Protein backbone atom coordinates (compact mmCIF):
# COMPACT_ATOMS: atom_id res chain seq x y z
CA MET A 1 -6.12 -136.71 -28.88
CA THR A 2 -7.78 -139.18 -26.20
CA PHE A 3 -7.59 -142.90 -26.49
CA GLY A 4 -10.71 -145.61 -25.70
CA PHE A 5 -11.43 -148.84 -26.19
CA GLN A 6 -14.66 -150.26 -28.54
CA THR A 7 -16.12 -154.56 -28.02
CA HIS A 8 -18.63 -156.16 -30.00
CA VAL A 9 -19.05 -158.21 -27.40
CA HIS A 10 -17.79 -161.51 -27.51
CA GLY A 11 -16.74 -164.71 -25.84
CA THR A 12 -18.76 -168.04 -24.68
CA ALA A 13 -19.61 -167.08 -21.48
CA PRO A 14 -23.20 -167.10 -20.05
CA ALA A 15 -24.92 -163.34 -20.73
CA ARG A 16 -25.01 -163.71 -16.38
CA GLU A 17 -21.19 -163.43 -15.92
CA LEU A 18 -20.35 -161.45 -20.02
CA LEU A 19 -22.62 -158.58 -19.51
CA PRO A 20 -21.60 -157.76 -15.92
CA GLY A 21 -18.08 -157.94 -16.95
CA LEU A 22 -18.88 -155.36 -19.50
CA VAL A 23 -19.40 -153.28 -16.92
CA ASP A 24 -16.64 -154.67 -14.73
CA LEU A 25 -14.09 -153.53 -18.45
CA TYR A 26 -15.66 -149.99 -18.14
CA VAL A 27 -14.58 -149.78 -15.33
CA ALA A 28 -11.02 -150.76 -15.62
CA ALA A 29 -10.84 -148.84 -18.28
CA GLU A 30 -11.45 -145.56 -16.78
CA GLU A 31 -8.79 -146.25 -13.68
CA LEU A 32 -6.33 -146.94 -16.52
CA GLY A 33 -6.39 -143.94 -17.97
CA PHE A 34 -8.86 -143.81 -21.00
CA THR A 35 -11.32 -141.41 -22.14
CA SER A 36 -13.98 -143.82 -23.95
CA GLY A 37 -15.49 -146.91 -24.42
CA TRP A 38 -17.58 -148.16 -27.18
CA LEU A 39 -19.99 -150.85 -27.56
CA ALA A 40 -21.37 -152.50 -30.85
CA GLN A 41 -24.89 -153.41 -31.61
CA HIS A 42 -25.83 -157.24 -33.03
CA HIS A 43 -29.38 -158.12 -32.70
CA LEU A 44 -30.84 -162.28 -32.72
CA GLY A 45 -27.67 -164.15 -31.27
CA ASN A 46 -25.60 -162.68 -34.49
CA ASP A 47 -22.26 -164.12 -34.65
CA ALA A 48 -20.52 -160.61 -34.90
CA GLY A 49 -21.69 -160.08 -31.42
CA ARG A 50 -23.89 -160.07 -28.36
CA LEU A 51 -25.01 -157.39 -27.15
CA PRO A 52 -28.54 -156.01 -28.38
CA SER A 53 -29.04 -153.76 -25.92
CA PRO A 54 -25.68 -151.00 -25.56
CA LEU A 55 -27.95 -148.66 -24.00
CA VAL A 56 -29.23 -150.27 -21.15
CA LEU A 57 -25.45 -151.67 -20.63
CA LEU A 58 -24.27 -148.48 -20.75
CA ALA A 59 -26.75 -147.33 -18.20
CA ALA A 60 -25.49 -149.53 -15.63
CA ALA A 61 -21.77 -148.68 -16.69
CA ALA A 62 -22.86 -145.11 -16.38
CA GLU A 63 -23.44 -146.11 -12.52
CA ALA A 64 -19.94 -147.73 -11.97
CA THR A 65 -17.95 -144.58 -13.39
CA SER A 66 -17.64 -140.76 -13.26
CA THR A 67 -15.63 -139.53 -16.13
CA ILE A 68 -14.96 -142.17 -19.07
CA ARG A 69 -17.50 -141.12 -21.95
CA LEU A 70 -20.21 -143.92 -23.23
CA GLY A 71 -20.64 -144.61 -26.88
CA THR A 72 -22.22 -146.64 -29.68
CA SER A 73 -20.58 -148.01 -32.09
CA VAL A 74 -22.90 -148.21 -33.50
CA VAL A 75 -27.06 -148.01 -33.22
CA VAL A 76 -28.32 -149.97 -35.79
CA LEU A 77 -30.53 -146.86 -36.85
CA PRO A 78 -33.40 -149.13 -39.44
CA LEU A 79 -34.23 -151.66 -37.14
CA GLU A 80 -34.92 -149.25 -34.14
CA HIS A 81 -37.86 -146.55 -33.50
CA PRO A 82 -36.29 -143.45 -33.04
CA VAL A 83 -38.99 -141.98 -30.62
CA ARG A 84 -37.81 -144.86 -28.14
CA VAL A 85 -34.06 -144.03 -29.58
CA ALA A 86 -34.43 -140.68 -28.39
CA GLU A 87 -36.27 -141.44 -25.53
CA ASP A 88 -33.62 -143.90 -23.72
CA ALA A 89 -30.77 -141.95 -25.50
CA ALA A 90 -31.97 -138.82 -23.22
CA VAL A 91 -32.53 -140.98 -20.33
CA LEU A 92 -29.01 -142.44 -20.20
CA ASP A 93 -27.16 -139.10 -21.15
CA VAL A 94 -28.79 -137.73 -17.79
CA LEU A 95 -27.99 -140.19 -15.86
CA SER A 96 -24.15 -140.40 -16.74
CA GLY A 97 -23.83 -136.61 -16.71
CA GLY A 98 -23.14 -135.81 -20.27
CA ARG A 99 -21.31 -138.69 -21.47
CA LEU A 100 -23.22 -140.32 -23.85
CA GLU A 101 -21.63 -140.27 -27.41
CA LEU A 102 -24.21 -141.50 -29.44
CA GLY A 103 -23.03 -143.43 -32.77
CA LEU A 104 -25.39 -143.77 -35.70
CA GLY A 105 -25.35 -146.36 -38.45
CA ALA A 106 -27.24 -148.05 -41.34
CA GLY A 107 -26.48 -151.76 -40.68
CA GLY A 108 -24.80 -154.36 -42.85
CA PRO A 109 -27.49 -156.24 -45.45
CA SER A 110 -28.57 -159.09 -42.97
CA VAL A 111 -31.66 -160.28 -44.78
CA PRO A 112 -32.56 -162.23 -41.65
CA GLU A 113 -32.18 -159.49 -38.94
CA PHE A 114 -34.10 -156.88 -41.19
CA ALA A 115 -36.70 -159.47 -41.84
CA ALA A 116 -37.17 -160.41 -37.90
CA PHE A 117 -38.28 -156.15 -37.64
CA GLY A 118 -39.37 -156.36 -40.61
CA LYS A 119 -37.74 -154.47 -42.40
CA ASP A 120 -36.39 -154.61 -45.69
CA PRO A 121 -32.64 -154.48 -46.23
CA ALA A 122 -32.54 -152.86 -49.17
CA ARG A 123 -34.06 -149.91 -48.03
CA ARG A 124 -31.80 -149.77 -45.41
CA HIS A 125 -29.98 -146.14 -45.64
CA GLU A 126 -33.26 -144.50 -47.25
CA LEU A 127 -34.61 -146.16 -43.67
CA TYR A 128 -31.23 -144.98 -41.80
CA ALA A 129 -31.82 -141.14 -42.79
CA GLU A 130 -35.28 -141.15 -42.19
CA HIS A 131 -35.22 -142.30 -38.66
CA ARG A 132 -31.96 -140.52 -37.52
CA ASP A 133 -33.76 -136.85 -39.04
CA LEU A 134 -36.88 -137.37 -36.84
CA LEU A 135 -34.15 -138.73 -33.59
CA LEU A 136 -32.14 -135.21 -33.58
CA HIS A 137 -35.51 -133.34 -34.39
CA LEU A 138 -36.91 -134.79 -31.12
CA LEU A 139 -33.59 -134.32 -29.03
CA GLY A 140 -33.57 -130.86 -29.96
CA GLY A 141 -36.99 -130.50 -28.61
CA GLY A 142 -38.68 -130.48 -31.80
CA GLU A 143 -42.87 -131.96 -31.84
CA LEU A 144 -44.22 -135.35 -33.63
CA ALA A 145 -47.03 -133.93 -36.30
CA ASP A 146 -49.57 -134.33 -33.13
CA GLY A 147 -47.52 -131.67 -30.53
CA LEU A 148 -46.12 -134.73 -28.45
CA ARG A 149 -42.84 -134.46 -27.48
CA VAL A 150 -39.85 -136.45 -26.16
CA ASN A 151 -39.11 -136.59 -22.19
CA PRO A 152 -36.35 -135.33 -21.60
CA VAL A 153 -35.76 -132.87 -24.27
CA ARG A 154 -32.21 -133.57 -24.76
CA PRO A 155 -30.39 -130.64 -26.73
CA GLN A 156 -27.00 -131.07 -25.38
CA LEU A 157 -26.56 -134.59 -26.92
CA LEU A 158 -27.03 -133.08 -30.22
CA GLU A 159 -23.09 -132.46 -30.35
CA ARG A 160 -22.34 -136.16 -29.24
CA ILE A 161 -23.74 -137.71 -32.52
CA TRP A 162 -21.70 -139.49 -34.83
CA GLU A 163 -21.69 -140.71 -38.10
CA SER A 164 -20.23 -143.50 -40.42
CA PRO A 165 -20.63 -142.63 -44.12
CA SER A 166 -19.15 -144.89 -46.59
CA THR A 167 -17.60 -142.41 -49.28
CA PRO A 168 -15.76 -139.07 -49.12
CA GLN A 169 -18.63 -137.11 -50.73
CA ARG A 170 -21.15 -138.66 -47.32
CA ALA A 171 -18.37 -137.59 -45.20
CA ALA A 172 -17.84 -134.22 -46.87
CA GLU A 173 -21.47 -133.83 -46.45
CA LEU A 174 -21.15 -134.61 -42.45
CA ALA A 175 -18.65 -132.12 -41.91
CA ALA A 176 -22.13 -129.53 -42.52
CA THR A 177 -23.70 -130.23 -40.01
CA GLY A 178 -21.47 -130.69 -36.84
CA ARG A 179 -21.95 -134.41 -36.31
CA GLY A 180 -18.56 -136.32 -35.91
CA LEU A 181 -17.63 -138.92 -37.78
CA LEU A 182 -16.48 -142.65 -37.16
CA VAL A 183 -13.93 -144.33 -39.54
CA GLY A 184 -13.69 -148.50 -38.99
CA ILE A 185 -11.75 -151.13 -40.63
CA GLY A 186 -10.91 -151.02 -44.39
CA PRO A 187 -8.11 -150.21 -46.23
CA GLY A 188 -5.88 -147.61 -44.55
CA PRO A 189 -5.77 -144.86 -47.60
CA VAL A 190 -9.73 -145.51 -48.04
CA GLN A 191 -10.09 -145.06 -44.52
CA ARG A 192 -7.74 -141.71 -44.84
CA ALA A 193 -9.72 -140.45 -47.64
CA LEU A 194 -13.60 -140.55 -45.46
CA ALA A 195 -11.28 -138.37 -42.72
CA ASP A 196 -9.76 -135.68 -45.08
CA ALA A 197 -12.96 -135.08 -46.87
CA TYR A 198 -14.52 -134.40 -43.89
CA LEU A 199 -12.18 -132.49 -42.49
CA ALA A 200 -11.44 -130.67 -45.26
CA ALA A 201 -14.82 -129.62 -45.19
CA GLY A 202 -15.22 -128.23 -42.14
CA GLY A 203 -15.81 -130.94 -40.00
CA SER A 204 -14.11 -131.65 -36.71
CA ARG A 205 -14.23 -135.05 -34.44
CA VAL A 206 -12.75 -137.93 -36.26
CA ALA A 207 -12.77 -141.09 -34.27
CA ALA A 208 -10.56 -144.28 -35.73
CA PHE A 209 -11.59 -147.84 -34.40
CA ARG A 210 -8.29 -150.10 -34.54
CA GLY A 211 -7.99 -153.86 -32.86
CA GLY A 212 -5.18 -153.25 -30.31
CA PHE A 213 -3.61 -156.65 -29.70
CA PRO A 214 -0.18 -156.35 -27.45
CA ALA A 215 0.56 -159.76 -26.51
CA LEU A 216 -0.35 -160.94 -23.19
CA VAL A 217 2.37 -163.71 -22.31
CA PRO A 218 6.16 -163.00 -22.36
CA GLY A 219 8.09 -162.83 -25.83
CA GLY A 220 5.14 -162.67 -27.74
CA ASP A 221 5.32 -160.76 -31.31
CA ARG A 222 3.97 -160.32 -34.46
CA ASP A 223 3.82 -164.35 -35.83
CA SER A 224 2.32 -166.06 -32.60
CA GLN A 225 -0.44 -162.96 -31.96
CA ALA A 226 -1.39 -163.50 -35.40
CA ALA A 227 -1.31 -167.37 -35.08
CA LEU A 228 -3.29 -166.50 -31.76
CA LEU A 229 -5.97 -163.78 -33.90
CA TRP A 230 -5.89 -166.27 -36.97
CA PRO A 231 -8.64 -168.81 -35.87
CA ASP A 232 -11.03 -165.45 -35.02
CA VAL A 233 -10.70 -163.59 -38.55
CA ARG A 234 -10.75 -166.40 -41.16
CA ARG A 235 -14.24 -165.82 -41.25
CA PHE A 236 -13.14 -162.23 -43.00
CA ALA A 237 -9.79 -163.86 -45.63
CA GLU A 238 -13.43 -166.17 -46.95
CA GLY A 239 -15.55 -163.47 -47.31
CA PRO A 240 -16.57 -160.47 -50.21
CA LEU A 241 -15.05 -158.17 -48.12
CA SER A 242 -11.98 -159.55 -48.23
CA GLN A 243 -12.20 -160.55 -52.08
CA GLN A 244 -12.82 -156.75 -52.49
CA TYR A 245 -9.41 -155.90 -50.63
CA LEU A 246 -6.51 -158.88 -50.99
CA GLY A 247 -7.84 -160.99 -53.21
CA ASP A 248 -7.33 -164.97 -53.24
CA ALA A 249 -6.20 -166.75 -50.04
CA PRO A 250 -4.51 -164.21 -48.24
CA GLY A 251 -2.74 -165.48 -44.83
CA PRO A 252 -2.72 -163.83 -41.41
CA HIS A 253 -0.28 -161.02 -41.98
CA GLU A 254 -3.00 -159.54 -44.43
CA VAL A 255 -6.01 -160.24 -43.09
CA LEU A 256 -4.65 -158.76 -39.93
CA ALA A 257 -3.33 -155.41 -41.60
CA ALA A 258 -6.92 -155.02 -43.77
CA LEU A 259 -8.65 -155.12 -40.68
CA ASN A 260 -6.77 -152.19 -39.53
CA VAL A 261 -5.57 -154.56 -36.04
CA HIS A 262 -1.93 -154.13 -34.71
CA TYR A 263 -0.90 -156.56 -32.74
CA GLY A 264 2.85 -158.19 -31.55
CA SER A 265 4.73 -157.52 -28.48
CA GLY A 266 4.51 -153.89 -27.26
CA GLU A 267 6.71 -152.00 -28.70
CA GLN A 268 5.26 -153.81 -32.08
CA VAL A 269 1.88 -152.41 -31.80
CA ALA A 270 2.88 -149.10 -30.73
CA ALA A 271 4.85 -148.94 -33.75
CA SER A 272 2.49 -149.56 -36.10
CA VAL A 273 -0.04 -147.42 -34.76
CA LEU A 274 3.05 -144.93 -35.85
CA THR A 275 2.27 -145.87 -39.33
CA ASP A 276 -1.34 -145.77 -39.47
CA PRO A 277 -2.66 -142.84 -41.58
CA LEU A 278 -5.24 -142.19 -39.47
CA LEU A 279 -3.65 -141.57 -36.55
CA PRO A 280 -2.43 -137.92 -37.49
CA VAL A 281 -5.89 -136.75 -37.81
CA ALA A 282 -7.92 -138.79 -35.18
CA ALA A 283 -9.37 -136.43 -31.93
CA ASP A 284 -9.94 -139.90 -30.61
CA PHE A 285 -8.11 -143.08 -31.08
CA VAL A 286 -10.11 -146.05 -30.19
CA PHE A 287 -8.64 -149.97 -29.76
CA ALA A 288 -11.07 -152.84 -30.05
CA VAL A 289 -9.93 -154.95 -27.93
CA GLN A 290 -12.08 -158.31 -28.26
CA ALA A 291 -12.16 -161.18 -31.45
CA GLU A 292 -14.39 -163.56 -31.23
CA SER A 293 -12.28 -165.82 -28.83
CA THR A 294 -11.35 -162.61 -26.26
CA SER A 295 -12.97 -163.38 -22.54
CA ILE A 296 -13.74 -159.94 -20.72
CA ASP A 297 -10.35 -161.24 -18.67
CA ALA A 298 -7.98 -161.03 -21.56
CA ALA A 299 -9.85 -157.40 -22.62
CA VAL A 300 -9.02 -156.62 -19.36
CA ARG A 301 -5.67 -157.03 -19.56
CA THR A 302 -5.09 -156.35 -23.39
CA LEU A 303 -6.12 -152.68 -21.46
CA GLN A 304 -3.74 -152.79 -19.26
CA ARG A 305 -1.04 -153.66 -21.61
CA LEU A 306 -1.99 -150.87 -23.83
CA ALA A 307 -1.90 -148.36 -21.17
CA SER A 308 1.60 -149.91 -19.62
CA ASP A 309 3.55 -150.75 -23.06
CA VAL A 310 1.78 -148.74 -25.63
CA VAL A 311 0.09 -145.36 -25.07
CA PRO A 312 2.70 -144.01 -23.58
CA GLN A 313 4.55 -144.08 -26.96
CA LEU A 314 1.56 -142.77 -28.29
CA SER A 315 0.90 -140.03 -26.88
CA GLY A 316 4.97 -138.46 -26.80
CA ALA A 317 5.10 -138.84 -30.29
CA VAL A 318 1.32 -136.66 -31.10
CA HIS A 319 2.53 -134.45 -28.54
CA ALA A 320 6.09 -134.11 -30.12
CA THR A 321 4.47 -133.49 -34.20
CA PRO A 322 4.06 -129.70 -34.82
């Protein structure tokens, strides 16, 4: 098992500070021993995140680092032209020495975002399949209808493609392709069912994305961390997914559990992760280190706490498991 970090790129800093700060986050993570860093894509000032161009940012991170893997979680493929993604991803993979981990997804049914790109959100899964298939065809050296090919051709990248299906059946179908499985938020048993279906069908690469927020102040515990995180996650408590998972009027601890966030003191975070249903089957365990109000500086300090107080306990437990 390896450990990584993820961010949806939050914070209130101006872009001229925030974006270079993300590069600093990669540098810090590499120095602390994390093996991967993943960026989410969000368009048009989306409150869920501030980065529309993850491949561009990852090119800057590649220049400043040498070993950490550079992941997207995910590129919203229905809103992208697959030829353009193939070209940009191939160039980045060459520049980074083969460190790109290209995560792809259909995105949520955001009517304003899809409308801005001239796309129908009701067709997002259909568009995703069409764009993905052409993207993979081009990366592997396939031609367009007129005989043209993308440049550079990068078939090596086909071994580092990830997807995030929403049902066990789709997860099992993904396994047959050799591509990796990204598992995000949602009740642990539901997410474990995706991983089990994928692994049972012969899949071999599961990446589990979980919030990781050890307290940054002395004496911080689960209650104080829940209170600190609550302003950022309470929006989920009022949304349709919360109603589906939790019912009416959930509190901070219930919401954080539904979001698969591990929080509290360092010892409490480690103990919580050790009970995570995805821990035994994940090849990559990835900690989200930014909530909506988390600064880059706080994210770096969170990485430091995870590296010093959490990951060593997990590594020992994982290595001791038969």
